[in-house]
Amino acid sequence: KPYMPLGTLRAALFYPQVARNEDAT
């Protein structure tokens, strides 16, 4: 059961690190 942190979907994808602006990737 994955953990989905409160916030943006971008933040959830990079969790637990800081989200990055890599839209193409």
mmCIF file of all heavy atoms, coordinates in Angstrom:
data_MODEL
# 
_entry.id   MODEL 
# 
loop_
_atom_site.group_PDB 
_atom_site.id 
_atom_site.type_symbol 
_atom_site.label_atom_id 
_atom_site.label_alt_id 
_atom_site.label_comp_id 
_atom_site.label_asym_id 
_atom_site.label_entity_id 
_atom_site.label_seq_id 
_atom_site.pdbx_PDB_ins_code 
_atom_site.Cartn_x 
_atom_site.Cartn_y 
_atom_site.Cartn_z 
_atom_site.occupancy 
_atom_site.B_iso_or_equiv 
_atom_site.pdbx_formal_charge 
_atom_site.auth_seq_id 
_atom_site.auth_comp_id 
_atom_site.auth_asym_id 
_atom_site.auth_atom_id 
_atom_site.pdbx_PDB_model_num 
ATOM 1   N N   . LYS A 1 1  ? 0.871  -1.187 0.000   1.00 0.00 ? 1  LYS A N   1 
ATOM 2   C CA  . LYS A 1 1  ? 0.000  0.000  0.000   1.00 0.00 ? 1  LYS A CA  1 
ATOM 3   C C   . LYS A 1 1  ? 0.900  1.226  0.000   1.00 0.00 ? 1  LYS A C   1 
ATOM 4   O O   . LYS A 1 1  ? 1.411  1.640  1.018   1.00 0.00 ? 1  LYS A O   1 
ATOM 5   C CB  . LYS A 1 1  ? -0.889 -0.001 1.246   1.00 0.00 ? 1  LYS A CB  1 
ATOM 6   C CG  . LYS A 1 1  ? -1.797 1.218  1.366   1.00 0.00 ? 1  LYS A CG  1 
ATOM 7   C CD  . LYS A 1 1  ? -2.880 1.207  0.307   1.00 0.00 ? 1  LYS A CD  1 
ATOM 8   C CE  . LYS A 1 1  ? -3.934 2.290  0.608   1.00 0.00 ? 1  LYS A CE  1 
ATOM 9   N NZ  . LYS A 1 1  ? -3.657 3.547  -0.081  1.00 0.00 ? 1  LYS A NZ  1 
ATOM 10  N N   . PRO A 1 2  ? 1.138  1.816  -1.173  1.00 0.00 ? 2  PRO A N   1 
ATOM 11  C CA  . PRO A 1 2  ? 2.090  2.935  -1.256  1.00 0.00 ? 2  PRO A CA  1 
ATOM 12  C C   . PRO A 1 2  ? 1.626  4.139  -0.441  1.00 0.00 ? 2  PRO A C   1 
ATOM 13  O O   . PRO A 1 2  ? 0.431  4.351  -0.244  1.00 0.00 ? 2  PRO A O   1 
ATOM 14  C CB  . PRO A 1 2  ? 2.110  3.268  -2.751  1.00 0.00 ? 2  PRO A CB  1 
ATOM 15  C CG  . PRO A 1 2  ? 1.547  2.073  -3.436  1.00 0.00 ? 2  PRO A CG  1 
ATOM 16  C CD  . PRO A 1 2  ? 0.565  1.475  -2.479  1.00 0.00 ? 2  PRO A CD  1 
ATOM 17  N N   . TYR A 1 3  ? 2.606  4.905  -0.020  1.00 0.00 ? 3  TYR A N   1 
ATOM 18  C CA  . TYR A 1 3  ? 2.292  6.140  0.694   1.00 0.00 ? 3  TYR A CA  1 
ATOM 19  C C   . TYR A 1 3  ? 2.206  7.283  -0.299  1.00 0.00 ? 3  TYR A C   1 
ATOM 20  O O   . TYR A 1 3  ? 3.121  7.515  -1.090  1.00 0.00 ? 3  TYR A O   1 
ATOM 21  C CB  . TYR A 1 3  ? 3.366  6.439  1.742   1.00 0.00 ? 3  TYR A CB  1 
ATOM 22  C CG  . TYR A 1 3  ? 3.165  7.768  2.436   1.00 0.00 ? 3  TYR A CG  1 
ATOM 23  C CD1 . TYR A 1 3  ? 2.030  8.000  3.204   1.00 0.00 ? 3  TYR A CD1 1 
ATOM 24  C CD2 . TYR A 1 3  ? 4.103  8.786  2.316   1.00 0.00 ? 3  TYR A CD2 1 
ATOM 25  C CE1 . TYR A 1 3  ? 1.830  9.214  3.845   1.00 0.00 ? 3  TYR A CE1 1 
ATOM 26  C CE2 . TYR A 1 3  ? 3.918  10.002 2.949   1.00 0.00 ? 3  TYR A CE2 1 
ATOM 27  C CZ  . TYR A 1 3  ? 2.773  10.217 3.703   1.00 0.00 ? 3  TYR A CZ  1 
ATOM 28  O OH  . TYR A 1 3  ? 2.572  11.420 4.327   1.00 0.00 ? 3  TYR A OH  1 
ATOM 29  N N   . MET A 1 4  ? 1.081  7.994  -0.261  1.00 0.00 ? 4  MET A N   1 
ATOM 30  C CA  . MET A 1 4  ? 0.874  9.165  -1.107  1.00 0.00 ? 4  MET A CA  1 
ATOM 31  C C   . MET A 1 4  ? 0.873  10.410 -0.211  1.00 0.00 ? 4  MET A C   1 
ATOM 32  O O   . MET A 1 4  ? -0.108 10.652 0.515   1.00 0.00 ? 4  MET A O   1 
ATOM 33  C CB  . MET A 1 4  ? -0.464 9.072  -1.850  1.00 0.00 ? 4  MET A CB  1 
ATOM 34  C CG  . MET A 1 4  ? -0.571 7.942  -2.844  1.00 0.00 ? 4  MET A CG  1 
ATOM 35  S SD  . MET A 1 4  ? 0.391  8.254  -4.352  1.00 0.00 ? 4  MET A SD  1 
ATOM 36  C CE  . MET A 1 4  ? 1.597  6.942  -4.229  1.00 0.00 ? 4  MET A CE  1 
ATOM 37  N N   . PRO A 1 5  ? 1.948  11.187 -0.205  1.00 0.00 ? 5  PRO A N   1 
ATOM 38  C CA  . PRO A 1 5  ? 2.002  12.356 0.682   1.00 0.00 ? 5  PRO A CA  1 
ATOM 39  C C   . PRO A 1 5  ? 1.000  13.421 0.252   1.00 0.00 ? 5  PRO A C   1 
ATOM 40  O O   . PRO A 1 5  ? 0.586  13.484 -0.908  1.00 0.00 ? 5  PRO A O   1 
ATOM 41  C CB  . PRO A 1 5  ? 3.442  12.856 0.516   1.00 0.00 ? 5  PRO A CB  1 
ATOM 42  C CG  . PRO A 1 5  ? 3.825  12.416 -0.862  1.00 0.00 ? 5  PRO A CG  1 
ATOM 43  C CD  . PRO A 1 5  ? 3.142  11.091 -1.062  1.00 0.00 ? 5  PRO A CD  1 
ATOM 44  N N   . LEU A 1 6  ? 0.621  14.264 1.205   1.00 0.00 ? 6  LEU A N   1 
ATOM 45  C CA  . LEU A 1 6  ? -0.238 15.394 0.871   1.00 0.00 ? 6  LEU A CA  1 
ATOM 46  C C   . LEU A 1 6  ? 0.555  16.383 0.017   1.00 0.00 ? 6  LEU A C   1 
ATOM 47  O O   . LEU A 1 6  ? 1.708  16.673 0.298   1.00 0.00 ? 6  LEU A O   1 
ATOM 48  C CB  . LEU A 1 6  ? -0.725 16.079 2.153   1.00 0.00 ? 6  LEU A CB  1 
ATOM 49  C CG  . LEU A 1 6  ? -1.586 15.235 3.096   1.00 0.00 ? 6  LEU A CG  1 
ATOM 50  C CD1 . LEU A 1 6  ? -1.882 16.015 4.379   1.00 0.00 ? 6  LEU A CD1 1 
ATOM 51  C CD2 . LEU A 1 6  ? -2.879 14.832 2.415   1.00 0.00 ? 6  LEU A CD2 1 
ATOM 52  N N   . GLY A 1 7  ? -0.077 16.889 -1.017  1.00 0.00 ? 7  GLY A N   1 
ATOM 53  C CA  . GLY A 1 7  ? 0.608  17.835 -1.898  1.00 0.00 ? 7  GLY A CA  1 
ATOM 54  C C   . GLY A 1 7  ? 0.332  17.533 -3.356  1.00 0.00 ? 7  GLY A C   1 
ATOM 55  O O   . GLY A 1 7  ? -0.706 16.970 -3.710  1.00 0.00 ? 7  GLY A O   1 
ATOM 56  N N   . THR A 1 8  ? 1.291  17.890 -4.220  1.00 0.00 ? 8  THR A N   1 
ATOM 57  C CA  . THR A 1 8  ? 1.108  17.706 -5.657  1.00 0.00 ? 8  THR A CA  1 
ATOM 58  C C   . THR A 1 8  ? 1.448  16.284 -6.071  1.00 0.00 ? 8  THR A C   1 
ATOM 59  O O   . THR A 1 8  ? 2.145  15.552 -5.354  1.00 0.00 ? 8  THR A O   1 
ATOM 60  C CB  . THR A 1 8  ? 2.000  18.676 -6.436  1.00 0.00 ? 8  THR A CB  1 
ATOM 61  O OG1 . THR A 1 8  ? 3.377  18.354 -6.175  1.00 0.00 ? 8  THR A OG1 1 
ATOM 62  C CG2 . THR A 1 8  ? 1.740  20.122 -6.029  1.00 0.00 ? 8  THR A CG2 1 
ATOM 63  N N   . LEU A 1 9  ? 0.992  15.913 -7.254  1.00 0.00 ? 9  LEU A N   1 
ATOM 64  C CA  . LEU A 1 9  ? 1.330  14.599 -7.815  1.00 0.00 ? 9  LEU A CA  1 
ATOM 65  C C   . LEU A 1 9  ? 2.816  14.528 -8.118  1.00 0.00 ? 9  LEU A C   1 
ATOM 66  O O   . LEU A 1 9  ? 3.444  13.475 -7.960  1.00 0.00 ? 9  LEU A O   1 
ATOM 67  C CB  . LEU A 1 9  ? 0.508  14.350 -9.079  1.00 0.00 ? 9  LEU A CB  1 
ATOM 68  C CG  . LEU A 1 9  ? 0.743  13.020 -9.793  1.00 0.00 ? 9  LEU A CG  1 
ATOM 69  C CD1 . LEU A 1 9  ? 0.427  11.848 -8.871  1.00 0.00 ? 9  LEU A CD1 1 
ATOM 70  C CD2 . LEU A 1 9  ? -0.088 12.933 -11.068 1.00 0.00 ? 9  LEU A CD2 1 
ATOM 71  N N   . ARG A 1 10 ? 3.403  15.639 -8.530  1.00 0.00 ? 10 ARG A N   1 
ATOM 72  C CA  . ARG A 1 10 ? 4.848  15.677 -8.792  1.00 0.00 ? 10 ARG A CA  1 
ATOM 73  C C   . ARG A 1 10 ? 5.614  15.317 -7.521  1.00 0.00 ? 10 ARG A C   1 
ATOM 74  O O   . ARG A 1 10 ? 6.563  14.524 -7.556  1.00 0.00 ? 10 ARG A O   1 
ATOM 75  C CB  . ARG A 1 10 ? 5.245  17.067 -9.278  1.00 0.00 ? 10 ARG A CB  1 
ATOM 76  C CG  . ARG A 1 10 ? 6.730  17.190 -9.688  1.00 0.00 ? 10 ARG A CG  1 
ATOM 77  C CD  . ARG A 1 10 ? 7.108  18.651 -9.910  1.00 0.00 ? 10 ARG A CD  1 
ATOM 78  N NE  . ARG A 1 10 ? 6.285  19.266 -10.952 1.00 0.00 ? 10 ARG A NE  1 
ATOM 79  C CZ  . ARG A 1 10 ? 6.578  19.231 -12.241 1.00 0.00 ? 10 ARG A CZ  1 
ATOM 80  N NH1 . ARG A 1 10 ? 7.670  18.602 -12.652 1.00 0.00 ? 10 ARG A NH1 1 
ATOM 81  N NH2 . ARG A 1 10 ? 5.793  19.825 -13.103 1.00 0.00 ? 10 ARG A NH2 1 
ATOM 82  N N   . ALA A 1 11 ? 5.200  15.897 -6.386  1.00 0.00 ? 11 ALA A N   1 
ATOM 83  C CA  . ALA A 1 11 ? 5.863  15.596 -5.107  1.00 0.00 ? 11 ALA A CA  1 
ATOM 84  C C   . ALA A 1 11 ? 5.703  14.123 -4.751  1.00 0.00 ? 11 ALA A C   1 
ATOM 85  O O   . ALA A 1 11 ? 6.617  13.493 -4.204  1.00 0.00 ? 11 ALA A O   1 
ATOM 86  C CB  . ALA A 1 11 ? 5.295  16.474 -4.005  1.00 0.00 ? 11 ALA A CB  1 
ATOM 87  N N   . ALA A 1 12 ? 4.532  13.536 -5.067  1.00 0.00 ? 12 ALA A N   1 
ATOM 88  C CA  . ALA A 1 12 ? 4.301  12.121 -4.779  1.00 0.00 ? 12 ALA A CA  1 
ATOM 89  C C   . ALA A 1 12 ? 5.219  11.237 -5.613  1.00 0.00 ? 12 ALA A C   1 
ATOM 90  O O   . ALA A 1 12 ? 5.701  10.205 -5.144  1.00 0.00 ? 12 ALA A O   1 
ATOM 91  C CB  . ALA A 1 12 ? 2.837  11.768 -5.048  1.00 0.00 ? 12 ALA A CB  1 
ATOM 92  N N   . LEU A 1 13 ? 5.474  11.632 -6.871  1.00 0.00 ? 13 LEU A N   1 
ATOM 93  C CA  . LEU A 1 13 ? 6.338  10.836 -7.745  1.00 0.00 ? 13 LEU A CA  1 
ATOM 94  C C   . LEU A 1 13 ? 7.786  10.835 -7.265  1.00 0.00 ? 13 LEU A C   1 
ATOM 95  O O   . LEU A 1 13 ? 8.485  9.833  -7.382  1.00 0.00 ? 13 LEU A O   1 
ATOM 96  C CB  . LEU A 1 13 ? 6.271  11.380 -9.174  1.00 0.00 ? 13 LEU A CB  1 
ATOM 97  C CG  . LEU A 1 13 ? 5.010  11.013 -9.962  1.00 0.00 ? 13 LEU A CG  1 
ATOM 98  C CD1 . LEU A 1 13 ? 4.819  11.937 -11.154 1.00 0.00 ? 13 LEU A CD1 1 
ATOM 99  C CD2 . LEU A 1 13 ? 5.082  9.555  -10.421 1.00 0.00 ? 13 LEU A CD2 1 
ATOM 100 N N   . PHE A 1 14 ? 8.255  11.941 -6.711  1.00 0.00 ? 14 PHE A N   1 
ATOM 101 C CA  . PHE A 1 14 ? 9.652  12.043 -6.289  1.00 0.00 ? 14 PHE A CA  1 
ATOM 102 C C   . PHE A 1 14 ? 9.851  11.713 -4.805  1.00 0.00 ? 14 PHE A C   1 
ATOM 103 O O   . PHE A 1 14 ? 10.979 11.741 -4.327  1.00 0.00 ? 14 PHE A O   1 
ATOM 104 C CB  . PHE A 1 14 ? 10.185 13.459 -6.565  1.00 0.00 ? 14 PHE A CB  1 
ATOM 105 C CG  . PHE A 1 14 ? 10.557 13.703 -7.991  1.00 0.00 ? 14 PHE A CG  1 
ATOM 106 C CD1 . PHE A 1 14 ? 9.649  14.281 -8.862  1.00 0.00 ? 14 PHE A CD1 1 
ATOM 107 C CD2 . PHE A 1 14 ? 11.800 13.344 -8.475  1.00 0.00 ? 14 PHE A CD2 1 
ATOM 108 C CE1 . PHE A 1 14 ? 9.984  14.517 -10.193 1.00 0.00 ? 14 PHE A CE1 1 
ATOM 109 C CE2 . PHE A 1 14 ? 12.151 13.572 -9.793  1.00 0.00 ? 14 PHE A CE2 1 
ATOM 110 C CZ  . PHE A 1 14 ? 11.232 14.161 -10.665 1.00 0.00 ? 14 PHE A CZ  1 
ATOM 111 N N   . TYR A 1 15 ? 8.772  11.413 -4.080  1.00 0.00 ? 15 TYR A N   1 
ATOM 112 C CA  . TYR A 1 15 ? 8.872  11.154 -2.647  1.00 0.00 ? 15 TYR A CA  1 
ATOM 113 C C   . TYR A 1 15 ? 9.826  9.991  -2.370  1.00 0.00 ? 15 TYR A C   1 
ATOM 114 O O   . TYR A 1 15 ? 9.807  8.995  -3.077  1.00 0.00 ? 15 TYR A O   1 
ATOM 115 C CB  . TYR A 1 15 ? 7.475  10.819 -2.091  1.00 0.00 ? 15 TYR A CB  1 
ATOM 116 C CG  . TYR A 1 15 ? 7.434  10.690 -0.588  1.00 0.00 ? 15 TYR A CG  1 
ATOM 117 C CD1 . TYR A 1 15 ? 7.296  11.814 0.213   1.00 0.00 ? 15 TYR A CD1 1 
ATOM 118 C CD2 . TYR A 1 15 ? 7.559  9.443  0.027   1.00 0.00 ? 15 TYR A CD2 1 
ATOM 119 C CE1 . TYR A 1 15 ? 7.264  11.699 1.599   1.00 0.00 ? 15 TYR A CE1 1 
ATOM 120 C CE2 . TYR A 1 15 ? 7.532  9.335  1.409   1.00 0.00 ? 15 TYR A CE2 1 
ATOM 121 C CZ  . TYR A 1 15 ? 7.382  10.459 2.183   1.00 0.00 ? 15 TYR A CZ  1 
ATOM 122 O OH  . TYR A 1 15 ? 7.362  10.346 3.557   1.00 0.00 ? 15 TYR A OH  1 
ATOM 123 N N   . PRO A 1 16 ? 10.753 10.081 -1.388  1.00 0.00 ? 16 PRO A N   1 
ATOM 124 C CA  . PRO A 1 16 ? 10.839 11.110 -0.346  1.00 0.00 ? 16 PRO A CA  1 
ATOM 125 C C   . PRO A 1 16 ? 11.805 12.246 -0.667  1.00 0.00 ? 16 PRO A C   1 
ATOM 126 O O   . PRO A 1 16 ? 12.164 13.012 0.228   1.00 0.00 ? 16 PRO A O   1 
ATOM 127 C CB  . PRO A 1 16 ? 11.334 10.312 0.854   1.00 0.00 ? 16 PRO A CB  1 
ATOM 128 C CG  . PRO A 1 16 ? 12.255 9.310  0.240   1.00 0.00 ? 16 PRO A CG  1 
ATOM 129 C CD  . PRO A 1 16 ? 11.631 8.944  -1.085  1.00 0.00 ? 16 PRO A CD  1 
ATOM 130 N N   . GLN A 1 17 ? 12.268 12.357 -1.920  1.00 0.00 ? 17 GLN A N   1 
ATOM 131 C CA  . GLN A 1 17 ? 13.162 13.435 -2.284  1.00 0.00 ? 17 GLN A CA  1 
ATOM 132 C C   . GLN A 1 17 ? 12.365 14.662 -2.721  1.00 0.00 ? 17 GLN A C   1 
ATOM 133 O O   . GLN A 1 17 ? 11.140 14.608 -2.881  1.00 0.00 ? 17 GLN A O   1 
ATOM 134 C CB  . GLN A 1 17 ? 14.108 12.979 -3.399  1.00 0.00 ? 17 GLN A CB  1 
ATOM 135 C CG  . GLN A 1 17 ? 15.063 11.868 -2.988  1.00 0.00 ? 17 GLN A CG  1 
ATOM 136 C CD  . GLN A 1 17 ? 16.044 11.509 -4.093  1.00 0.00 ? 17 GLN A CD  1 
ATOM 137 O OE1 . GLN A 1 17 ? 16.146 12.193 -5.110  1.00 0.00 ? 17 GLN A OE1 1 
ATOM 138 N NE2 . GLN A 1 17 ? 16.768 10.407 -3.906  1.00 0.00 ? 17 GLN A NE2 1 
ATOM 139 N N   . VAL A 1 18 ? 13.056 15.762 -2.922  1.00 0.00 ? 18 VAL A N   1 
ATOM 140 C CA  . VAL A 1 18 ? 12.423 16.993 -3.372  1.00 0.00 ? 18 VAL A CA  1 
ATOM 141 C C   . VAL A 1 18 ? 12.064 16.862 -4.846  1.00 0.00 ? 18 VAL A C   1 
ATOM 142 O O   . VAL A 1 18 ? 12.858 16.357 -5.650  1.00 0.00 ? 18 VAL A O   1 
ATOM 143 C CB  . VAL A 1 18 ? 13.363 18.197 -3.148  1.00 0.00 ? 18 VAL A CB  1 
ATOM 144 C CG1 . VAL A 1 18 ? 12.729 19.483 -3.661  1.00 0.00 ? 18 VAL A CG1 1 
ATOM 145 C CG2 . VAL A 1 18 ? 13.709 18.329 -1.666  1.00 0.00 ? 18 VAL A CG2 1 
ATOM 146 N N   . ALA A 1 19 ? 10.858 17.306 -5.199  1.00 0.00 ? 19 ALA A N   1 
ATOM 147 C CA  . ALA A 1 19 ? 10.394 17.197 -6.584  1.00 0.00 ? 19 ALA A CA  1 
ATOM 148 C C   . ALA A 1 19 ? 11.261 18.047 -7.512  1.00 0.00 ? 19 ALA A C   1 
ATOM 149 O O   . ALA A 1 19 ? 11.749 19.118 -7.132  1.00 0.00 ? 19 ALA A O   1 
ATOM 150 C CB  . ALA A 1 19 ? 8.939  17.637 -6.678  1.00 0.00 ? 19 ALA A CB  1 
ATOM 151 N N   . ARG A 1 20 ? 11.442 17.548 -8.750  1.00 0.00 ? 20 ARG A N   1 
ATOM 152 C CA  . ARG A 1 20 ? 12.239 18.249 -9.749  1.00 0.00 ? 20 ARG A CA  1 
ATOM 153 C C   . ARG A 1 20 ? 11.374 18.561 -10.975 1.00 0.00 ? 20 ARG A C   1 
ATOM 154 O O   . ARG A 1 20 ? 10.436 17.831 -11.297 1.00 0.00 ? 20 ARG A O   1 
ATOM 155 C CB  . ARG A 1 20 ? 13.449 17.400 -10.162 1.00 0.00 ? 20 ARG A CB  1 
ATOM 156 C CG  . ARG A 1 20 ? 14.351 17.013 -8.990  1.00 0.00 ? 20 ARG A CG  1 
ATOM 157 C CD  . ARG A 1 20 ? 15.651 16.395 -9.490  1.00 0.00 ? 20 ARG A CD  1 
ATOM 158 N NE  . ARG A 1 20 ? 15.450 15.118 -10.157 1.00 0.00 ? 20 ARG A NE  1 
ATOM 159 C CZ  . ARG A 1 20 ? 15.514 13.934 -9.556  1.00 0.00 ? 20 ARG A CZ  1 
ATOM 160 N NH1 . ARG A 1 20 ? 15.735 13.867 -8.244  1.00 0.00 ? 20 ARG A NH1 1 
ATOM 161 N NH2 . ARG A 1 20 ? 15.344 12.819 -10.247 1.00 0.00 ? 20 ARG A NH2 1 
ATOM 162 N N   . ASN A 1 21 ? 11.732 19.616 -11.674 1.00 0.00 ? 21 ASN A N   1 
ATOM 163 C CA  . ASN A 1 21 ? 11.003 20.004 -12.887 1.00 0.00 ? 21 ASN A CA  1 
ATOM 164 C C   . ASN A 1 21 ? 11.572 19.276 -14.098 1.00 0.00 ? 21 ASN A C   1 
ATOM 165 O O   . ASN A 1 21 ? 12.361 19.825 -14.871 1.00 0.00 ? 21 ASN A O   1 
ATOM 166 C CB  . ASN A 1 21 ? 11.073 21.522 -13.086 1.00 0.00 ? 21 ASN A CB  1 
ATOM 167 C CG  . ASN A 1 21 ? 10.341 22.282 -12.001 1.00 0.00 ? 21 ASN A CG  1 
ATOM 168 O OD1 . ASN A 1 21 ? 9.278  21.855 -11.567 1.00 0.00 ? 21 ASN A OD1 1 
ATOM 169 N ND2 . ASN A 1 21 ? 10.908 23.387 -11.557 1.00 0.00 ? 21 ASN A ND2 1 
ATOM 170 N N   . GLU A 1 22 ? 11.199 18.016 -14.236 1.00 0.00 ? 22 GLU A N   1 
ATOM 171 C CA  . GLU A 1 22 ? 11.648 17.181 -15.362 1.00 0.00 ? 22 GLU A CA  1 
ATOM 172 C C   . GLU A 1 22 ? 10.419 16.687 -16.116 1.00 0.00 ? 22 GLU A C   1 
ATOM 173 O O   . GLU A 1 22 ? 10.127 15.494 -16.167 1.00 0.00 ? 22 GLU A O   1 
ATOM 174 C CB  . GLU A 1 22 ? 12.491 16.017 -14.842 1.00 0.00 ? 22 GLU A CB  1 
ATOM 175 C CG  . GLU A 1 22 ? 13.735 16.463 -14.079 1.00 0.00 ? 22 GLU A CG  1 
ATOM 176 C CD  . GLU A 1 22 ? 14.529 15.295 -13.507 1.00 0.00 ? 22 GLU A CD  1 
ATOM 177 O OE1 . GLU A 1 22 ? 14.095 14.131 -13.694 1.00 0.00 ? 22 GLU A OE1 1 
ATOM 178 O OE2 . GLU A 1 22 ? 15.573 15.536 -12.881 1.00 0.00 ? 22 GLU A OE2 1 
ATOM 179 N N   . ASP A 1 23 ? 9.690  17.630 -16.695 1.00 0.00 ? 23 ASP A N   1 
ATOM 180 C CA  . ASP A 1 23 ? 8.399  17.301 -17.289 1.00 0.00 ? 23 ASP A CA  1 
ATOM 181 C C   . ASP A 1 23 ? 8.509  16.318 -18.446 1.00 0.00 ? 23 ASP A C   1 
ATOM 182 O O   . ASP A 1 23 ? 7.642  15.440 -18.612 1.00 0.00 ? 23 ASP A O   1 
ATOM 183 C CB  . ASP A 1 23 ? 7.701  18.578 -17.766 1.00 0.00 ? 23 ASP A CB  1 
ATOM 184 C CG  . ASP A 1 23 ? 7.207  19.418 -16.594 1.00 0.00 ? 23 ASP A CG  1 
ATOM 185 O OD1 . ASP A 1 23 ? 7.499  19.037 -15.442 1.00 0.00 ? 23 ASP A OD1 1 
ATOM 186 O OD2 . ASP A 1 23 ? 6.553  20.440 -16.824 1.00 0.00 ? 23 ASP A OD2 1 
ATOM 187 N N   . ALA A 1 24 ? 9.564  16.440 -19.254 1.00 0.00 ? 24 ALA A N   1 
ATOM 188 C CA  . ALA A 1 24 ? 9.718  15.528 -20.391 1.00 0.00 ? 24 ALA A CA  1 
ATOM 189 C C   . ALA A 1 24 ? 9.915  14.093 -19.898 1.00 0.00 ? 24 ALA A C   1 
ATOM 190 O O   . ALA A 1 24 ? 9.290  13.151 -20.409 1.00 0.00 ? 24 ALA A O   1 
ATOM 191 C CB  . ALA A 1 24 ? 10.905 15.954 -21.262 1.00 0.00 ? 24 ALA A CB  1 
ATOM 192 N N   . THR A 1 25 ? 10.768 13.935 -18.887 1.00 0.00 ? 25 THR A N   1 
ATOM 193 C CA  . THR A 1 25 ? 11.001 12.604 -18.310 1.00 0.00 ? 25 THR A CA  1 
ATOM 194 C C   . THR A 1 25 ? 9.725  12.066 -17.678 1.00 0.00 ? 25 THR A C   1 
ATOM 195 O O   . THR A 1 25 ? 9.374  10.889 -17.845 1.00 0.00 ? 25 THR A O   1 
ATOM 196 C CB  . THR A 1 25 ? 12.120 12.673 -17.254 1.00 0.00 ? 25 THR A CB  1 
ATOM 197 O OG1 . THR A 1 25 ? 13.313 13.151 -17.858 1.00 0.00 ? 25 THR A OG1 1 
ATOM 198 C CG2 . THR A 1 25 ? 12.372 11.312 -16.642 1.00 0.00 ? 25 THR A CG2 1 
# 
